Amino acid sequence: MYEMKIAAGARSEHAAATPGVDTSKDTQKTLAFHQQRVYNLLQSGKKYSAADISVALRLSDPRSCIRDLRAKGIDILDEWVPSEHGSKFKRYFIRKEADHEA
């Protein structure tokens, strides 16, 4: 199976071998643990706010994971949604038909 070795003093993103996400036929991207969890949730095709992701995955702030996933070339889309109180917030999603990562 998988053998996970954690280097002393390493940041969690670089600490262990993590499962990869195939973003194209030529490229294999590795994701940190929380990035993989956010990616798996967004793969459902549903739209989630940062608060929705926080509750579902028990993460304090998933926006940093989304930023890092985008930096790794994963096409995470967002849309602004007006709230009940006059402000607005973003919902994040991965479009199923444009999904090359899976």
C-alpha atoms as a PDB file:
ATOM      1  CA  MET A   1       0.000   0.000   0.000  1.00  0.00           C
ATOM      2  CA  TYR A   2       1.028   3.585   0.575  1.00  0.00           C
ATOM      3  CA  GLU A   3       3.895   4.314   2.938  1.00  0.00           C
ATOM      4  CA  MET A   4       3.848   7.811   4.402  1.00  0.00           C
ATOM      5  CA  LYS A   5       7.131   9.201   5.744  1.00  0.00           C
ATOM      6  CA  ILE A   6       7.128  12.631   7.353  1.00  0.00           C
ATOM      7  CA  ALA A   7      10.338  14.647   7.316  1.00  0.00           C
ATOM      8  CA  ALA A   8      11.204  16.392  10.582  1.00  0.00           C
ATOM      9  CA  GLY A   9      10.498  20.111  10.426  1.00  0.00           C
ATOM     10  CA  ALA A  10       8.875  19.962   6.998  1.00  0.00           C
ATOM     11  CA  ARG A  11       5.703  21.868   6.189  1.00  0.00           C
ATOM     12  CA  SER A  12       2.687  19.598   5.898  1.00  0.00           C
ATOM     13  CA  GLU A  13       2.418  20.271   2.153  1.00  0.00           C
ATOM     14  CA  HIS A  14       5.901  18.836   1.616  1.00  0.00           C
ATOM     15  CA  ALA A  15       5.973  16.413   4.531  1.00  0.00           C
ATOM     16  CA  ALA A  16       4.746  13.203   2.958  1.00  0.00           C
ATOM     17  CA  ALA A  17       4.037  11.485  -0.278  1.00  0.00           C
ATOM     18  CA  THR A  18       0.441  12.306  -1.164  1.00  0.00           C
ATOM     19  CA  PRO A  19      -1.874  10.862  -3.784  1.00  0.00           C
ATOM     20  CA  GLY A  20      -1.562  12.582  -7.136  1.00  0.00           C
ATOM     21  CA  VAL A  21      -4.166  14.232  -9.326  1.00  0.00           C
ATOM     22  CA  ASP A  22      -3.808  13.610 -13.022  1.00  0.00           C
ATOM     23  CA  THR A  23      -4.388  17.042 -14.585  1.00  0.00           C
ATOM     24  CA  SER A  24      -3.483  15.956 -18.104  1.00  0.00           C
ATOM     25  CA  LYS A  25      -2.071  12.981 -19.894  1.00  0.00           C
ATOM     26  CA  ASP A  26       1.457  14.313 -19.445  1.00  0.00           C
ATOM     27  CA  THR A  27       1.375  15.909 -15.998  1.00  0.00           C
ATOM     28  CA  GLN A  28       0.910  14.435 -12.542  1.00  0.00           C
ATOM     29  CA  LYS A  29       0.247  16.892  -9.689  1.00  0.00           C
ATOM     30  CA  THR A  30       0.571  16.000  -6.030  1.00  0.00           C
ATOM     31  CA  LEU A  31      -1.779  17.578  -3.548  1.00  0.00           C
ATOM     32  CA  ALA A  32      -1.414  18.135   0.169  1.00  0.00           C
ATOM     33  CA  PHE A  33      -3.918  16.386   2.440  1.00  0.00           C
ATOM     34  CA  HIS A  34      -6.355  19.302   2.834  1.00  0.00           C
ATOM     35  CA  GLN A  35      -5.990  20.299  -0.819  1.00  0.00           C
ATOM     36  CA  GLN A  36      -7.003  16.768  -1.818  1.00  0.00           C
ATOM     37  CA  ARG A  37     -10.056  16.934   0.468  1.00  0.00           C
ATOM     38  CA  VAL A  38     -11.186  20.281  -0.989  1.00  0.00           C
ATOM     39  CA  TYR A  39     -10.548  19.005  -4.524  1.00  0.00           C
ATOM     40  CA  ASN A  40     -12.608  15.857  -3.876  1.00  0.00           C
ATOM     41  CA  LEU A  41     -15.507  17.921  -2.524  1.00  0.00           C
ATOM     42  CA  LEU A  42     -15.495  20.321  -5.476  1.00  0.00           C
ATOM     43  CA  GLN A  43     -15.344  17.374  -7.905  1.00  0.00           C
ATOM     44  CA  SER A  44     -19.006  16.694  -7.100  1.00  0.00           C
ATOM     45  CA  GLY A  45     -19.956  19.548  -9.416  1.00  0.00           C
ATOM     46  CA  LYS A  46     -21.937  21.358  -6.719  1.00  0.00           C
ATOM     47  CA  LYS A  47     -21.210  24.959  -5.754  1.00  0.00           C
ATOM     48  CA  TYR A  48     -19.829  25.614  -2.255  1.00  0.00           C
ATOM     49  CA  SER A  49     -19.089  28.806  -0.351  1.00  0.00           C
ATOM     50  CA  ALA A  50     -16.002  28.991   1.867  1.00  0.00           C
ATOM     51  CA  ALA A  51     -18.327  28.549   4.860  1.00  0.00           C
ATOM     52  CA  ASP A  52     -19.922  25.449   3.287  1.00  0.00           C
ATOM     53  CA  ILE A  53     -16.488  23.903   2.705  1.00  0.00           C
ATOM     54  CA  SER A  54     -15.400  24.794   6.256  1.00  0.00           C
ATOM     55  CA  VAL A  55     -18.414  23.026   7.734  1.00  0.00           C
ATOM     56  CA  ALA A  56     -18.258  19.999   5.423  1.00  0.00           C
ATOM     57  CA  LEU A  57     -14.509  19.391   5.856  1.00  0.00           C
ATOM     58  CA  ARG A  58     -13.952  21.024   9.253  1.00  0.00           C
ATOM     59  CA  LEU A  59     -11.315  23.401   7.842  1.00  0.00           C
ATOM     60  CA  SER A  60     -10.828  26.854   9.328  1.00  0.00           C
ATOM     61  CA  ASP A  61     -10.235  28.644   5.994  1.00  0.00           C
ATOM     62  CA  PRO A  62     -10.416  26.625   2.763  1.00  0.00           C
ATOM     63  CA  ARG A  63      -9.661  29.659   0.570  1.00  0.00           C
ATOM     64  CA  SER A  64      -5.923  29.064   0.949  1.00  0.00           C
ATOM     65  CA  CYS A  65      -6.390  25.488  -0.306  1.00  0.00           C
ATOM     66  CA  ILE A  66      -8.376  26.826  -3.265  1.00  0.00           C
ATOM     67  CA  ARG A  67      -5.610  29.351  -3.993  1.00  0.00           C
ATOM     68  CA  ASP A  68      -2.967  26.607  -3.877  1.00  0.00           C
ATOM     69  CA  LEU A  69      -5.041  24.283  -6.088  1.00  0.00           C
ATOM     70  CA  ARG A  70      -5.397  27.056  -8.668  1.00  0.00           C
ATOM     71  CA  ALA A  71      -1.636  27.660  -8.506  1.00  0.00           C
ATOM     72  CA  LYS A  72      -1.156  23.969  -9.342  1.00  0.00           C
ATOM     73  CA  GLY A  73      -3.255  24.387 -12.482  1.00  0.00           C
ATOM     74  CA  ILE A  74      -6.606  23.030 -11.312  1.00  0.00           C
ATOM     75  CA  ASP A  75      -9.425  25.063 -12.844  1.00  0.00           C
ATOM     76  CA  ILE A  76     -11.581  26.043  -9.867  1.00  0.00           C
ATOM     77  CA  LEU A  77     -14.253  28.504 -10.897  1.00  0.00           C
ATOM     78  CA  ASP A  78     -16.157  30.909  -8.679  1.00  0.00           C
ATOM     79  CA  GLU A  79     -19.196  33.148  -8.833  1.00  0.00           C
ATOM     80  CA  TRP A  80     -20.321  36.078  -6.715  1.00  0.00           C
ATOM     81  CA  VAL A  81     -23.663  35.546  -4.967  1.00  0.00           C
ATOM     82  CA  PRO A  82     -25.633  38.308  -3.203  1.00  0.00           C
ATOM     83  CA  SER A  83     -26.401  37.531   0.436  1.00  0.00           C
ATOM     84  CA  GLU A  84     -29.630  38.225   2.299  1.00  0.00           C
ATOM     85  CA  HIS A  85     -28.037  41.153   4.133  1.00  0.00           C
ATOM     86  CA  GLY A  86     -26.860  43.136   1.112  1.00  0.00           C
ATOM     87  CA  SER A  87     -23.262  41.906   0.910  1.00  0.00           C
ATOM     88  CA  LYS A  88     -21.958  39.194  -1.400  1.00  0.00           C
ATOM     89  CA  PHE A  89     -19.851  36.046  -1.193  1.00  0.00           C
ATOM     90  CA  LYS A  90     -18.238  33.562  -3.571  1.00  0.00           C
ATOM     91  CA  ARG A  91     -19.255  30.027  -4.382  1.00  0.00           C
ATOM     92  CA  TYR A  92     -16.525  27.733  -5.717  1.00  0.00           C
ATOM     93  CA  PHE A  93     -16.934  24.806  -8.096  1.00  0.00           C
ATOM     94  CA  ILE A  94     -15.260  22.673 -10.738  1.00  0.00           C
ATOM     95  CA  ARG A  95     -17.280  22.489 -13.937  1.00  0.00           C
ATOM     96  CA  LYS A  96     -17.979  18.851 -14.816  1.00  0.00           C
ATOM     97  CA  GLU A  97     -17.801  19.225 -18.607  1.00  0.00           C
ATOM     98  CA  ALA A  98     -14.536  21.198 -18.419  1.00  0.00           C
ATOM     99  CA  ASP A  99     -13.045  18.810 -15.861  1.00  0.00           C
ATOM    100  CA  HIS A 100      -9.724  17.451 -17.142  1.00  0.00           C
ATOM    101  CA  GLU A 101      -8.314  16.648 -13.683  1.00  0.00           C
ATOM    102  CA  ALA A 102     -10.154  13.392 -12.981  1.00  0.00           C
END
